[in-house]
Amino acid sequence: MKDESSLDLNEKSFLEAVGKLTKPERELLYKAPVLVSVLAASTYNKINVDQKAEALKLAHLKTFTARAELISFYKVVEKNFKKDFEDLEKQFYPFDKPNREALRNEIGKVNTIINKMDKPVAEILHMSLNKYATHIKRSGIGILDDFVFPLPIKGLTY
């Protein structure tokens, strides 16, 4: 996989790629960081209040730390993060094995959506979301049992 800094992309190309997706695909794509956060924070069959607060803080920080071409993406994510987190929390509660697997399946759908995008866009977004997941894991929010995007991505992982 290439180093993120070696990839050439601008915000306009990113927004055009997102614009080619269907509305349901865009909505799910914008929920990707929330899905990851809910999975990470849902240990012991519930959401830890402190972990949820940390996830909200991390979503806000991402708007300042993301690559320039992804800032608009993370601003949309941040705007709806709390509501989306709470909606997903209700949808997947209790966080037992079947519900956590359903949550992982939603993350897999995001991977499929990213695969549909142009290769440079997919690479940068995939790397950014993986960095986000790594940041969450290192922040002590919880433990992800699997990588965020465990499915193979053509051109990225094979």
Protein backbone atom coordinates (compact mmCIF):
# COMPACT_ATOMS: atom_id res chain seq x y z
CA MET A 1 0.00 0.00 0.00
CA LYS A 2 1.23 3.49 -0.80
CA ASP A 3 2.10 6.08 1.77
CA GLU A 4 -0.78 8.52 2.19
CA SER A 5 1.43 11.55 1.51
CA SER A 6 2.46 10.17 -1.89
CA LEU A 7 -1.10 10.11 -3.22
CA ASP A 8 -2.29 13.02 -5.34
CA LEU A 9 -5.88 14.10 -4.79
CA ASN A 10 -7.70 17.37 -4.28
CA GLU A 11 -10.91 18.17 -2.46
CA LYS A 12 -12.83 18.69 -5.70
CA SER A 13 -11.95 15.17 -6.95
CA PHE A 14 -12.95 13.73 -3.59
CA LEU A 15 -16.29 15.54 -3.59
CA GLU A 16 -16.94 14.47 -7.20
CA ALA A 17 -16.27 10.84 -6.27
CA VAL A 18 -18.64 11.07 -3.30
CA GLY A 19 -21.22 12.78 -5.53
CA LYS A 20 -21.24 9.74 -7.84
CA LEU A 21 -22.49 7.54 -5.01
CA THR A 22 -26.18 6.99 -4.38
CA LYS A 23 -27.75 8.88 -1.47
CA PRO A 24 -27.92 5.73 0.75
CA GLU A 25 -24.25 4.99 -0.06
CA ARG A 26 -23.21 8.54 0.87
CA GLU A 27 -25.19 8.36 4.11
CA LEU A 28 -23.50 5.11 5.10
CA LEU A 29 -20.07 6.40 4.07
CA TYR A 30 -20.49 9.45 6.33
CA LYS A 31 -21.37 7.10 9.20
CA ALA A 32 -18.14 5.07 8.86
CA PRO A 33 -16.28 6.81 11.73
CA VAL A 34 -19.41 6.51 13.88
CA LEU A 35 -19.74 2.79 13.16
CA VAL A 36 -16.12 2.27 14.14
CA SER A 37 -16.59 4.30 17.32
CA VAL A 38 -19.72 2.42 18.36
CA LEU A 39 -18.00 -0.92 17.79
CA ALA A 40 -14.99 0.20 19.80
CA ALA A 41 -17.07 1.63 22.66
CA SER A 42 -19.49 -1.29 22.92
CA THR A 43 -17.56 -3.57 25.18
CA TYR A 44 -19.34 -5.68 27.80
CA ASN A 45 -22.70 -5.46 25.95
CA LYS A 46 -23.17 -1.73 26.56
CA ILE A 47 -21.72 1.66 25.73
CA ASN A 48 -19.41 3.14 28.32
CA VAL A 49 -20.33 6.81 28.95
CA ASP A 50 -16.68 7.88 29.18
CA GLN A 51 -15.84 6.05 25.99
CA LYS A 52 -18.74 7.72 24.19
CA ALA A 53 -17.52 11.15 25.31
CA GLU A 54 -14.04 10.33 24.03
CA ALA A 55 -15.46 9.23 20.67
CA LEU A 56 -17.27 12.57 20.34
CA LYS A 57 -14.04 14.41 21.10
CA LEU A 58 -12.11 12.36 18.54
CA ALA A 59 -14.68 13.09 15.82
CA HIS A 60 -14.20 16.80 16.44
CA LEU A 61 -10.41 16.53 16.37
CA LYS A 62 -10.46 14.68 13.04
CA THR A 63 -11.75 17.83 11.31
CA PHE A 64 -8.44 19.46 12.24
CA THR A 65 -6.10 16.55 11.59
CA ALA A 66 -7.39 15.03 8.34
CA ARG A 67 -5.83 15.61 4.94
CA ALA A 68 -7.07 18.84 3.40
CA GLU A 69 -9.16 17.05 0.77
CA LEU A 70 -11.02 15.12 3.49
CA ILE A 71 -11.85 18.07 5.77
CA SER A 72 -15.31 18.53 4.23
CA PHE A 73 -15.99 14.80 4.71
CA TYR A 74 -15.09 14.93 8.39
CA LYS A 75 -17.07 18.16 8.89
CA VAL A 76 -20.20 16.33 7.72
CA VAL A 77 -19.29 13.40 9.98
CA GLU A 78 -18.78 15.73 12.95
CA LYS A 79 -22.05 17.59 12.36
CA ASN A 80 -24.10 14.40 12.71
CA PHE A 81 -21.76 12.33 14.87
CA LYS A 82 -23.61 12.53 18.19
CA LYS A 83 -27.04 11.83 16.69
CA ASP A 84 -25.69 9.03 14.50
CA PHE A 85 -23.82 7.53 17.47
CA GLU A 86 -27.00 7.54 19.58
CA ASP A 87 -29.08 6.12 16.71
CA LEU A 88 -26.59 3.29 16.15
CA GLU A 89 -26.35 2.72 19.89
CA LYS A 90 -30.12 2.10 19.98
CA GLN A 91 -30.09 0.05 16.78
CA PHE A 92 -27.41 -2.40 17.92
CA TYR A 93 -28.22 -2.59 21.65
CA PRO A 94 -27.63 -4.92 23.42
CA PHE A 95 -24.10 -5.30 22.10
CA ASP A 96 -24.12 -9.06 22.20
CA LYS A 97 -22.36 -11.25 19.66
CA PRO A 98 -25.13 -11.14 16.97
CA ASN A 99 -25.50 -7.35 17.21
CA ARG A 100 -21.74 -6.76 17.16
CA GLU A 101 -21.56 -8.99 14.07
CA ALA A 102 -24.33 -6.93 12.45
CA LEU A 103 -22.32 -3.80 13.25
CA ARG A 104 -19.24 -5.36 11.61
CA ASN A 105 -21.40 -6.15 8.56
CA GLU A 106 -22.31 -2.46 8.29
CA ILE A 107 -18.61 -1.63 8.33
CA GLY A 108 -18.16 -4.20 5.56
CA LYS A 109 -20.79 -2.37 3.50
CA VAL A 110 -18.76 0.82 3.87
CA ASN A 111 -15.78 -1.07 2.50
CA THR A 112 -17.83 -2.09 -0.54
CA ILE A 113 -18.83 1.54 -1.10
CA ILE A 114 -15.23 2.71 -0.89
CA ASN A 115 -14.32 0.01 -3.43
CA LYS A 116 -16.70 1.62 -5.92
CA MET A 117 -14.82 4.91 -5.80
CA ASP A 118 -11.89 5.90 -8.00
CA LYS A 119 -8.70 4.24 -6.81
CA PRO A 120 -6.90 7.39 -5.51
CA VAL A 121 -10.00 8.44 -3.58
CA ALA A 122 -10.52 4.94 -2.19
CA GLU A 123 -6.89 4.68 -1.09
CA ILE A 124 -6.88 8.01 0.74
CA LEU A 125 -10.25 7.47 2.40
CA HIS A 126 -9.36 3.92 3.40
CA MET A 127 -6.05 5.06 4.92
CA SER A 128 -7.75 7.91 6.75
CA LEU A 129 -10.44 5.67 8.23
CA ASN A 130 -7.83 3.12 9.26
CA LYS A 131 -5.82 5.90 10.96
CA TYR A 132 -9.03 6.98 12.70
CA ALA A 133 -9.61 3.43 13.93
CA THR A 134 -6.01 3.15 15.11
CA HIS A 135 -6.37 6.43 16.97
CA ILE A 136 -9.51 5.14 18.68
CA LYS A 137 -7.82 1.89 19.68
CA ARG A 138 -4.84 3.77 21.10
CA SER A 139 -7.02 6.24 22.99
CA GLY A 140 -8.37 3.52 25.23
CA ILE A 141 -11.92 3.68 23.92
CA GLY A 142 -12.09 -0.06 23.70
CA ILE A 143 -10.80 -2.96 21.75
CA LEU A 144 -11.80 -3.66 18.18
CA ASP A 145 -11.83 -7.39 17.63
CA ASP A 146 -11.04 -7.01 13.93
CA PHE A 147 -9.48 -4.45 11.67
CA VAL A 148 -11.93 -1.74 10.66
CA PHE A 149 -12.03 -2.84 7.04
CA PRO A 150 -11.12 -6.52 7.14
CA LEU A 151 -12.43 -7.20 3.65
CA PRO A 152 -9.99 -7.17 0.74
CA ILE A 153 -9.99 -4.05 -1.41
CA LYS A 154 -9.03 -4.53 -5.04
CA GLY A 155 -5.92 -2.52 -5.76
CA LEU A 156 -5.29 -1.87 -2.08
CA THR A 157 -4.87 -5.23 -0.43
CA TYR A 158 -4.64 -7.53 -3.44
